[in-house]
Amino acid sequence: MRVTSLFFLLAGLTMPAAFAQSEVSVERGLQVSIIGGCHDCHTEGYSETEGKIDPEKALMGNSVGWRGPWGTTYATNLRRDAAVMSERGFVGMLKRIRTLPPMPWYNLRAMEESDMQSLYQYIRSLGKSGKPAPSRSHPNEEPTTPYVQLVPPQMPKN
């Protein structure tokens, strides 16, 4: 928990001074998506390109799964989510969401509402929503895509 808190403290310190704390903009949303780690999982190939964002793939989900005792989960296509929601609905979803590993849904709740609004505006600015990411597979199903085996497994508490 300390590492996560320290990461977000340091990430906040790197936010450009050009953005006022409550400013809502596409540009701020881009910064939030980078600092918040959204592209790490939700943009296919982001890590392999050392953080270069391909606008055609940005936040369209990932076909590489994360496998553990819960089954195999995939980073969703955030463009599809934002395309069918209002800004208010998207912000509400971020405040209430609870997902399976490895998504750190609890970190979303630490975001300022203006950052959530900016993230929504950035995602909507990316254009076409594309196809959905692969569906979650259950624990006894062998994934049909490449996957990362999480060992030791991260298990949500019931």
N, C-alpha and C. Protein backbone atom coordinates (compact mmCIF):
# COMPACT_ATOMS: atom_id res chain seq x y z
N MET A 1 0.82 -1.18 0.00
CA MET A 1 0.00 0.00 0.00
C MET A 1 0.87 1.25 0.00
N ARG A 2 1.99 1.23 0.75
CA ARG A 2 2.88 2.38 0.80
C ARG A 2 3.46 2.69 -0.58
N VAL A 3 3.83 1.65 -1.32
CA VAL A 3 4.41 1.85 -2.64
C VAL A 3 3.39 2.54 -3.55
N THR A 4 2.14 2.07 -3.51
CA THR A 4 1.09 2.68 -4.33
C THR A 4 0.89 4.14 -3.94
N SER A 5 0.81 4.41 -2.65
CA SER A 5 0.61 5.78 -2.19
C SER A 5 1.77 6.66 -2.60
N LEU A 6 3.00 6.16 -2.47
CA LEU A 6 4.18 6.92 -2.85
C LEU A 6 4.18 7.19 -4.35
N PHE A 7 3.78 6.18 -5.13
CA PHE A 7 3.72 6.36 -6.59
C PHE A 7 2.78 7.51 -6.95
N PHE A 8 1.58 7.51 -6.36
CA PHE A 8 0.63 8.55 -6.71
C PHE A 8 1.03 9.90 -6.16
N LEU A 9 1.73 9.94 -5.03
CA LEU A 9 2.25 11.21 -4.53
C LEU A 9 3.28 11.76 -5.51
N LEU A 10 4.21 10.91 -5.94
CA LEU A 10 5.24 11.36 -6.89
C LEU A 10 4.63 11.70 -8.24
N ALA A 11 3.64 10.93 -8.67
CA ALA A 11 2.99 11.21 -9.94
C ALA A 11 2.32 12.58 -9.90
N GLY A 12 1.69 12.90 -8.79
CA GLY A 12 1.06 14.21 -8.64
C GLY A 12 2.06 15.33 -8.69
N LEU A 13 3.27 15.08 -8.19
CA LEU A 13 4.29 16.11 -8.22
C LEU A 13 4.82 16.37 -9.61
N THR A 14 4.64 15.39 -10.51
CA THR A 14 5.14 15.56 -11.88
C THR A 14 4.09 16.15 -12.80
N MET A 15 2.87 16.38 -12.31
CA MET A 15 1.83 16.97 -13.15
C MET A 15 2.26 18.38 -13.55
N PRO A 16 2.24 18.69 -14.83
CA PRO A 16 2.70 20.01 -15.28
C PRO A 16 1.97 21.15 -14.58
N ALA A 17 2.72 22.18 -14.24
CA ALA A 17 2.15 23.34 -13.57
C ALA A 17 1.16 24.08 -14.44
N ALA A 18 1.17 23.82 -15.75
CA ALA A 18 0.27 24.50 -16.67
C ALA A 18 -1.19 24.15 -16.41
N PHE A 19 -1.45 23.05 -15.69
CA PHE A 19 -2.81 22.63 -15.41
C PHE A 19 -3.21 23.07 -14.02
N ALA A 20 -4.29 23.82 -13.93
CA ALA A 20 -4.85 24.16 -12.63
C ALA A 20 -5.49 22.90 -12.07
N GLN A 21 -5.55 22.78 -10.75
CA GLN A 21 -6.05 21.57 -10.11
C GLN A 21 -7.44 21.17 -10.61
N SER A 22 -8.31 22.14 -10.85
CA SER A 22 -9.67 21.80 -11.24
C SER A 22 -9.93 21.94 -12.74
N GLU A 23 -8.89 22.23 -13.52
CA GLU A 23 -9.07 22.38 -14.97
C GLU A 23 -9.50 21.06 -15.59
N VAL A 24 -10.48 21.12 -16.45
CA VAL A 24 -10.94 19.94 -17.16
C VAL A 24 -10.62 20.16 -18.64
N SER A 25 -9.81 19.27 -19.21
CA SER A 25 -9.43 19.41 -20.61
C SER A 25 -8.93 18.08 -21.16
N VAL A 26 -8.94 17.99 -22.47
CA VAL A 26 -8.40 16.81 -23.17
C VAL A 26 -6.92 16.66 -22.84
N GLU A 27 -6.18 17.75 -22.84
CA GLU A 27 -4.73 17.72 -22.56
C GLU A 27 -4.46 17.18 -21.16
N ARG A 28 -5.24 17.63 -20.19
CA ARG A 28 -5.07 17.12 -18.83
C ARG A 28 -5.43 15.63 -18.79
N GLY A 29 -6.46 15.24 -19.52
CA GLY A 29 -6.85 13.83 -19.58
C GLY A 29 -5.73 12.95 -20.12
N LEU A 30 -5.00 13.45 -21.12
CA LEU A 30 -3.84 12.72 -21.64
C LEU A 30 -2.82 12.52 -20.52
N GLN A 31 -2.52 13.57 -19.78
CA GLN A 31 -1.56 13.47 -18.67
C GLN A 31 -2.03 12.49 -17.62
N VAL A 32 -3.32 12.56 -17.27
CA VAL A 32 -3.89 11.64 -16.27
C VAL A 32 -3.76 10.20 -16.76
N SER A 33 -4.03 9.97 -18.05
CA SER A 33 -3.96 8.60 -18.59
C SER A 33 -2.55 8.04 -18.56
N ILE A 34 -1.56 8.91 -18.71
CA ILE A 34 -0.16 8.47 -18.66
C ILE A 34 0.28 8.25 -17.22
N ILE A 35 0.09 9.25 -16.40
CA ILE A 35 0.54 9.18 -15.00
C ILE A 35 -0.24 8.12 -14.22
N GLY A 36 -1.53 7.98 -14.54
CA GLY A 36 -2.35 6.99 -13.86
C GLY A 36 -2.10 5.56 -14.33
N GLY A 37 -1.31 5.39 -15.38
CA GLY A 37 -0.97 4.05 -15.85
C GLY A 37 -2.04 3.40 -16.72
N CYS A 38 -3.01 4.16 -17.21
CA CYS A 38 -4.08 3.59 -18.02
C CYS A 38 -3.54 2.89 -19.27
N HIS A 39 -2.59 3.53 -19.93
CA HIS A 39 -2.05 2.97 -21.18
C HIS A 39 -1.24 1.69 -20.92
N ASP A 40 -0.68 1.55 -19.72
CA ASP A 40 0.14 0.37 -19.42
C ASP A 40 -0.59 -0.92 -19.78
N CYS A 41 -1.88 -0.97 -19.49
CA CYS A 41 -2.66 -2.17 -19.78
C CYS A 41 -3.66 -1.98 -20.91
N HIS A 42 -4.28 -0.82 -20.99
CA HIS A 42 -5.39 -0.60 -21.91
C HIS A 42 -4.97 -0.20 -23.32
N THR A 43 -3.65 0.00 -23.56
CA THR A 43 -3.17 0.32 -24.91
C THR A 43 -2.19 -0.77 -25.35
N GLU A 44 -2.62 -1.57 -26.29
CA GLU A 44 -1.79 -2.67 -26.79
C GLU A 44 -0.47 -2.13 -27.34
N GLY A 45 0.65 -2.70 -26.91
CA GLY A 45 1.97 -2.34 -27.41
C GLY A 45 2.61 -1.13 -26.74
N TYR A 46 1.95 -0.53 -25.78
CA TYR A 46 2.47 0.68 -25.12
C TYR A 46 3.82 0.45 -24.46
N SER A 47 3.95 -0.61 -23.71
CA SER A 47 5.23 -0.89 -23.02
C SER A 47 6.34 -1.21 -24.01
N GLU A 48 6.00 -1.95 -25.05
CA GLU A 48 7.00 -2.34 -26.04
C GLU A 48 7.56 -1.14 -26.80
N THR A 49 6.79 -0.06 -26.89
CA THR A 49 7.25 1.15 -27.59
C THR A 49 7.80 2.18 -26.63
N GLU A 50 8.05 1.74 -25.40
CA GLU A 50 8.61 2.61 -24.36
C GLU A 50 7.79 3.87 -24.16
N GLY A 51 6.46 3.69 -24.11
CA GLY A 51 5.57 4.79 -23.78
C GLY A 51 5.13 5.67 -24.92
N LYS A 52 5.39 5.25 -26.15
CA LYS A 52 4.87 6.03 -27.28
C LYS A 52 3.42 5.61 -27.51
N ILE A 53 2.54 6.58 -27.54
CA ILE A 53 1.12 6.29 -27.70
C ILE A 53 0.75 6.29 -29.17
N ASP A 54 0.28 5.15 -29.64
CA ASP A 54 -0.23 5.05 -31.00
C ASP A 54 -1.70 5.45 -30.94
N PRO A 55 -2.08 6.60 -31.51
CA PRO A 55 -3.46 7.06 -31.43
C PRO A 55 -4.48 6.05 -31.96
N GLU A 56 -4.06 5.19 -32.89
CA GLU A 56 -4.98 4.18 -33.43
C GLU A 56 -5.29 3.08 -32.41
N LYS A 57 -4.39 2.86 -31.46
CA LYS A 57 -4.56 1.80 -30.47
C LYS A 57 -4.86 2.32 -29.06
N ALA A 58 -4.70 3.62 -28.84
CA ALA A 58 -4.79 4.19 -27.50
C ALA A 58 -6.09 3.82 -26.79
N LEU A 59 -5.94 3.14 -25.67
CA LEU A 59 -7.02 2.78 -24.75
C LEU A 59 -8.12 1.93 -25.38
N MET A 60 -7.73 1.13 -26.40
CA MET A 60 -8.68 0.22 -27.06
C MET A 60 -8.66 -1.19 -26.48
N GLY A 61 -8.02 -1.37 -25.35
CA GLY A 61 -7.98 -2.69 -24.73
C GLY A 61 -6.75 -3.47 -25.14
N ASN A 62 -6.68 -4.68 -24.64
CA ASN A 62 -5.49 -5.49 -24.86
C ASN A 62 -5.87 -6.95 -25.01
N SER A 63 -5.25 -7.63 -25.95
CA SER A 63 -5.54 -9.05 -26.16
C SER A 63 -4.66 -9.96 -25.30
N VAL A 64 -3.74 -9.38 -24.54
CA VAL A 64 -2.93 -10.17 -23.61
C VAL A 64 -3.67 -10.20 -22.27
N GLY A 65 -3.94 -11.41 -21.80
CA GLY A 65 -4.70 -11.57 -20.57
C GLY A 65 -3.85 -11.66 -19.33
N TRP A 66 -4.51 -11.59 -18.19
CA TRP A 66 -3.89 -11.75 -16.87
C TRP A 66 -4.59 -12.93 -16.22
N ARG A 67 -3.82 -14.01 -16.00
CA ARG A 67 -4.41 -15.26 -15.53
C ARG A 67 -4.06 -15.53 -14.07
N GLY A 68 -5.06 -15.97 -13.34
CA GLY A 68 -4.90 -16.35 -11.94
C GLY A 68 -6.06 -17.23 -11.54
N PRO A 69 -6.24 -17.47 -10.26
CA PRO A 69 -7.32 -18.35 -9.79
C PRO A 69 -8.72 -17.87 -10.17
N TRP A 70 -8.87 -16.59 -10.50
CA TRP A 70 -10.17 -16.02 -10.89
C TRP A 70 -10.49 -16.28 -12.36
N GLY A 71 -9.51 -16.80 -13.10
CA GLY A 71 -9.66 -16.99 -14.53
C GLY A 71 -8.68 -16.09 -15.26
N THR A 72 -9.04 -15.62 -16.43
CA THR A 72 -8.19 -14.72 -17.20
C THR A 72 -8.98 -13.45 -17.48
N THR A 73 -8.41 -12.32 -17.10
CA THR A 73 -9.05 -11.02 -17.33
C THR A 73 -8.25 -10.25 -18.37
N TYR A 74 -8.94 -9.32 -19.02
CA TYR A 74 -8.33 -8.51 -20.08
C TYR A 74 -8.62 -7.04 -19.80
N ALA A 75 -7.66 -6.19 -20.13
CA ALA A 75 -7.88 -4.75 -20.04
C ALA A 75 -8.93 -4.37 -21.09
N THR A 76 -9.99 -3.73 -20.65
CA THR A 76 -11.11 -3.42 -21.53
C THR A 76 -10.80 -2.28 -22.49
N ASN A 77 -11.64 -2.15 -23.48
CA ASN A 77 -11.57 -1.06 -24.45
C ASN A 77 -12.29 0.13 -23.81
N LEU A 78 -11.53 1.07 -23.27
CA LEU A 78 -12.10 2.23 -22.59
C LEU A 78 -12.84 3.15 -23.55
N ARG A 79 -12.47 3.13 -24.81
CA ARG A 79 -13.17 3.95 -25.80
C ARG A 79 -14.62 3.51 -25.94
N ARG A 80 -14.84 2.21 -25.92
CA ARG A 80 -16.21 1.69 -26.03
C ARG A 80 -17.01 2.09 -24.81
N ASP A 81 -16.40 2.02 -23.63
CA ASP A 81 -17.09 2.42 -22.40
C ASP A 81 -17.50 3.88 -22.47
N ALA A 82 -16.55 4.75 -22.82
CA ALA A 82 -16.81 6.19 -22.86
C ALA A 82 -17.81 6.54 -23.97
N ALA A 83 -17.82 5.79 -25.05
CA ALA A 83 -18.71 6.09 -26.18
C ALA A 83 -20.18 5.94 -25.82
N VAL A 84 -20.48 5.09 -24.87
CA VAL A 84 -21.89 4.84 -24.53
C VAL A 84 -22.30 5.51 -23.22
N MET A 85 -21.41 6.32 -22.65
CA MET A 85 -21.71 6.99 -21.38
C MET A 85 -21.60 8.50 -21.52
N SER A 86 -22.35 9.18 -20.69
CA SER A 86 -22.16 10.61 -20.56
C SER A 86 -20.95 10.83 -19.66
N GLU A 87 -20.45 12.05 -19.64
CA GLU A 87 -19.33 12.35 -18.75
C GLU A 87 -19.70 12.05 -17.29
N ARG A 88 -20.89 12.45 -16.91
CA ARG A 88 -21.36 12.21 -15.54
C ARG A 88 -21.43 10.71 -15.24
N GLY A 89 -21.95 9.93 -16.21
CA GLY A 89 -22.04 8.49 -16.03
C GLY A 89 -20.67 7.84 -15.92
N PHE A 90 -19.73 8.30 -16.73
CA PHE A 90 -18.37 7.77 -16.71
C PHE A 90 -17.71 8.04 -15.36
N VAL A 91 -17.84 9.27 -14.87
CA VAL A 91 -17.27 9.64 -13.57
C VAL A 91 -17.91 8.79 -12.48
N GLY A 92 -19.21 8.62 -12.53
CA GLY A 92 -19.89 7.78 -11.54
C GLY A 92 -19.40 6.34 -11.57
N MET A 93 -19.17 5.82 -12.78
CA MET A 93 -18.66 4.45 -12.91
C MET A 93 -17.27 4.34 -12.28
N LEU A 94 -16.39 5.33 -12.53
CA LEU A 94 -15.05 5.29 -11.95
C LEU A 94 -15.10 5.34 -10.42
N LYS A 95 -16.07 6.02 -9.87
CA LYS A 95 -16.19 6.13 -8.42
C LYS A 95 -16.73 4.85 -7.78
N ARG A 96 -17.44 4.03 -8.56
CA ARG A 96 -18.09 2.83 -8.01
C ARG A 96 -17.48 1.52 -8.47
N ILE A 97 -16.67 1.54 -9.50
CA ILE A 97 -16.22 0.30 -10.14
C ILE A 97 -15.45 -0.60 -9.17
N ARG A 98 -15.64 -1.88 -9.36
CA ARG A 98 -14.89 -2.90 -8.61
C ARG A 98 -14.64 -4.03 -9.60
N THR A 99 -13.37 -4.31 -9.87
CA THR A 99 -13.03 -5.29 -10.90
C THR A 99 -12.15 -6.40 -10.34
N LEU A 100 -11.86 -7.37 -11.18
CA LEU A 100 -10.94 -8.45 -10.83
C LEU A 100 -9.50 -8.00 -11.06
N PRO A 101 -8.53 -8.72 -10.46
CA PRO A 101 -7.12 -8.38 -10.69
C PRO A 101 -6.77 -8.47 -12.16
N PRO A 102 -5.75 -7.77 -12.58
CA PRO A 102 -4.86 -6.92 -11.79
C PRO A 102 -5.28 -5.45 -11.74
N MET A 103 -6.47 -5.10 -12.25
CA MET A 103 -6.89 -3.70 -12.29
C MET A 103 -6.97 -3.12 -10.87
N PRO A 104 -6.21 -2.05 -10.61
CA PRO A 104 -6.26 -1.42 -9.27
C PRO A 104 -7.43 -0.43 -9.17
N TRP A 105 -8.66 -0.95 -9.19
CA TRP A 105 -9.87 -0.12 -9.19
C TRP A 105 -9.91 0.84 -8.00
N TYR A 106 -9.32 0.47 -6.89
CA TYR A 106 -9.32 1.31 -5.69
C TYR A 106 -8.52 2.59 -5.90
N ASN A 107 -7.56 2.58 -6.81
CA ASN A 107 -6.79 3.79 -7.10
C ASN A 107 -7.64 4.83 -7.84
N LEU A 108 -8.61 4.38 -8.60
CA LEU A 108 -9.48 5.32 -9.32
C LEU A 108 -10.21 6.23 -8.33
N ARG A 109 -10.55 5.69 -7.19
CA ARG A 109 -11.30 6.46 -6.19
C ARG A 109 -10.47 7.57 -5.57
N ALA A 110 -9.16 7.53 -5.74
CA ALA A 110 -8.27 8.57 -5.21
C ALA A 110 -8.15 9.75 -6.18
N MET A 111 -8.67 9.60 -7.39
CA MET A 111 -8.57 10.65 -8.40
C MET A 111 -9.53 11.80 -8.06
N GLU A 112 -9.10 13.00 -8.40
CA GLU A 112 -9.97 14.17 -8.31
C GLU A 112 -11.05 14.03 -9.39
N GLU A 113 -12.23 14.53 -9.11
CA GLU A 113 -13.31 14.44 -10.10
C GLU A 113 -12.94 15.15 -11.39
N SER A 114 -12.22 16.26 -11.29
CA SER A 114 -11.81 16.97 -12.52
C SER A 114 -10.87 16.11 -13.36
N ASP A 115 -10.05 15.27 -12.71
CA ASP A 115 -9.18 14.35 -13.46
C ASP A 115 -10.01 13.27 -14.15
N MET A 116 -11.05 12.79 -13.49
CA MET A 116 -11.94 11.81 -14.10
C MET A 116 -12.65 12.41 -15.31
N GLN A 117 -13.10 13.66 -15.18
CA GLN A 117 -13.77 14.34 -16.29
C GLN A 117 -12.79 14.54 -17.45
N SER A 118 -11.57 14.94 -17.13
CA SER A 118 -10.55 15.14 -18.16
C SER A 118 -10.22 13.83 -18.86
N LEU A 119 -10.12 12.75 -18.10
CA LEU A 119 -9.85 11.43 -18.67
C LEU A 119 -10.96 11.06 -19.65
N TYR A 120 -12.19 11.29 -19.27
CA TYR A 120 -13.33 11.03 -20.15
C TYR A 120 -13.20 11.83 -21.45
N GLN A 121 -12.91 13.12 -21.32
CA GLN A 121 -12.80 13.96 -22.51
C GLN A 121 -11.65 13.50 -23.42
N TYR A 122 -10.54 13.10 -22.82
CA TYR A 122 -9.42 12.59 -23.61
C TYR A 122 -9.83 11.32 -24.36
N ILE A 123 -10.44 10.38 -23.66
CA ILE A 123 -10.84 9.12 -24.29
C ILE A 123 -11.80 9.39 -25.44
N ARG A 124 -12.77 10.27 -25.23
CA ARG A 124 -13.74 10.59 -26.28
C ARG A 124 -13.06 11.26 -27.47
N SER A 125 -11.97 12.00 -27.23
CA SER A 125 -11.27 12.69 -28.31
C SER A 125 -10.50 11.74 -29.23
N LEU A 126 -10.30 10.50 -28.79
CA LEU A 126 -9.48 9.56 -29.55
C LEU A 126 -10.16 9.03 -30.81
N GLY A 127 -11.46 9.18 -30.91
CA GLY A 127 -12.14 8.77 -32.13
C GLY A 127 -12.85 7.44 -32.01
N LYS A 128 -12.87 6.71 -33.12
CA LYS A 128 -13.66 5.48 -33.20
C LYS A 128 -13.39 4.56 -32.02
N SER A 129 -14.45 3.85 -31.62
CA SER A 129 -14.34 3.03 -30.41
C SER A 129 -13.77 1.65 -30.65
N GLY A 130 -13.86 1.12 -31.84
CA GLY A 130 -13.26 -0.18 -32.13
C GLY A 130 -14.03 -1.35 -31.55
N LYS A 131 -13.39 -2.50 -31.58
CA LYS A 131 -14.03 -3.72 -31.12
C LYS A 131 -13.72 -3.96 -29.63
N PRO A 132 -14.52 -4.78 -28.98
CA PRO A 132 -14.27 -5.06 -27.56
C PRO A 132 -13.00 -5.89 -27.37
N ALA A 133 -12.42 -5.76 -26.21
CA ALA A 133 -11.30 -6.63 -25.82
C ALA A 133 -11.87 -8.04 -25.61
N PRO A 134 -11.01 -9.06 -25.56
CA PRO A 134 -11.52 -10.41 -25.31
C PRO A 134 -12.31 -10.48 -24.00
N SER A 135 -13.22 -11.41 -23.94
CA SER A 135 -14.03 -11.61 -22.73
C SER A 135 -13.24 -12.41 -21.71
N ARG A 136 -13.55 -12.17 -20.47
CA ARG A 136 -12.94 -12.90 -19.37
C ARG A 136 -13.20 -14.40 -19.54
N SER A 137 -12.19 -15.21 -19.19
CA SER A 137 -12.40 -16.66 -19.18
C SER A 137 -12.42 -17.13 -17.73
N HIS A 138 -13.09 -18.22 -17.51
CA HIS A 138 -13.23 -18.76 -16.16
C HIS A 138 -12.01 -19.57 -15.76
N PRO A 139 -11.86 -19.85 -14.46
CA PRO A 139 -10.64 -20.52 -13.97
C PRO A 139 -10.28 -21.83 -14.67
N ASN A 140 -11.26 -22.61 -15.05
CA ASN A 140 -10.96 -23.91 -15.66
C ASN A 140 -10.81 -23.85 -17.18
N GLU A 141 -10.99 -22.68 -17.76
CA GLU A 141 -10.86 -22.53 -19.21
C GLU A 141 -9.44 -22.10 -19.57
N GLU A 142 -8.90 -22.72 -20.58
CA GLU A 142 -7.58 -22.33 -21.09
C GLU A 142 -7.77 -21.13 -22.02
N PRO A 143 -7.07 -20.02 -21.76
CA PRO A 143 -7.21 -18.85 -22.63
C PRO A 143 -6.75 -19.17 -24.06
N THR A 144 -7.36 -18.51 -25.02
CA THR A 144 -6.98 -18.69 -26.42
C THR A 144 -6.03 -17.58 -26.88
N THR A 145 -5.67 -16.68 -25.98
CA THR A 145 -4.77 -15.57 -26.29
C THR A 145 -3.52 -15.69 -25.42
N PRO A 146 -2.48 -14.95 -25.74
CA PRO A 146 -1.34 -14.91 -24.82
C PRO A 146 -1.80 -14.35 -23.48
N TYR A 147 -1.11 -14.74 -22.41
CA TYR A 147 -1.49 -14.24 -21.08
C TYR A 147 -0.27 -14.20 -20.17
N VAL A 148 -0.40 -13.42 -19.14
CA VAL A 148 0.60 -13.33 -18.08
C VAL A 148 0.04 -14.10 -16.89
N GLN A 149 0.81 -15.03 -16.37
CA GLN A 149 0.41 -15.79 -15.19
C GLN A 149 0.84 -15.01 -13.96
N LEU A 150 -0.11 -14.65 -13.12
CA LEU A 150 0.23 -13.90 -11.90
C LEU A 150 0.55 -14.88 -10.78
N VAL A 151 1.81 -14.90 -10.37
CA VAL A 151 2.27 -15.79 -9.31
C VAL A 151 3.13 -14.96 -8.37
N PRO A 152 2.92 -14.93 -7.08
CA PRO A 152 1.72 -15.53 -6.45
C PRO A 152 0.47 -14.79 -6.89
N PRO A 153 -0.63 -15.51 -6.95
CA PRO A 153 -1.85 -14.89 -7.46
C PRO A 153 -2.37 -13.78 -6.55
N GLN A 154 -2.88 -12.74 -7.17
CA GLN A 154 -3.52 -11.66 -6.43
C GLN A 154 -4.99 -12.02 -6.35
N MET A 155 -5.49 -12.19 -5.17
CA MET A 155 -6.88 -12.57 -5.02
C MET A 155 -7.66 -11.48 -4.31
N PRO A 156 -8.78 -11.10 -4.88
CA PRO A 156 -9.61 -10.12 -4.18
C PRO A 156 -10.19 -10.75 -2.92
N LYS A 157 -10.37 -9.95 -1.90
CA LYS A 157 -11.00 -10.43 -0.68
C LYS A 157 -12.50 -10.37 -0.86
N ASN A 158 -13.17 -11.40 -0.43
CA ASN A 158 -14.65 -11.42 -0.56
C ASN A 158 -15.29 -10.66 0.55
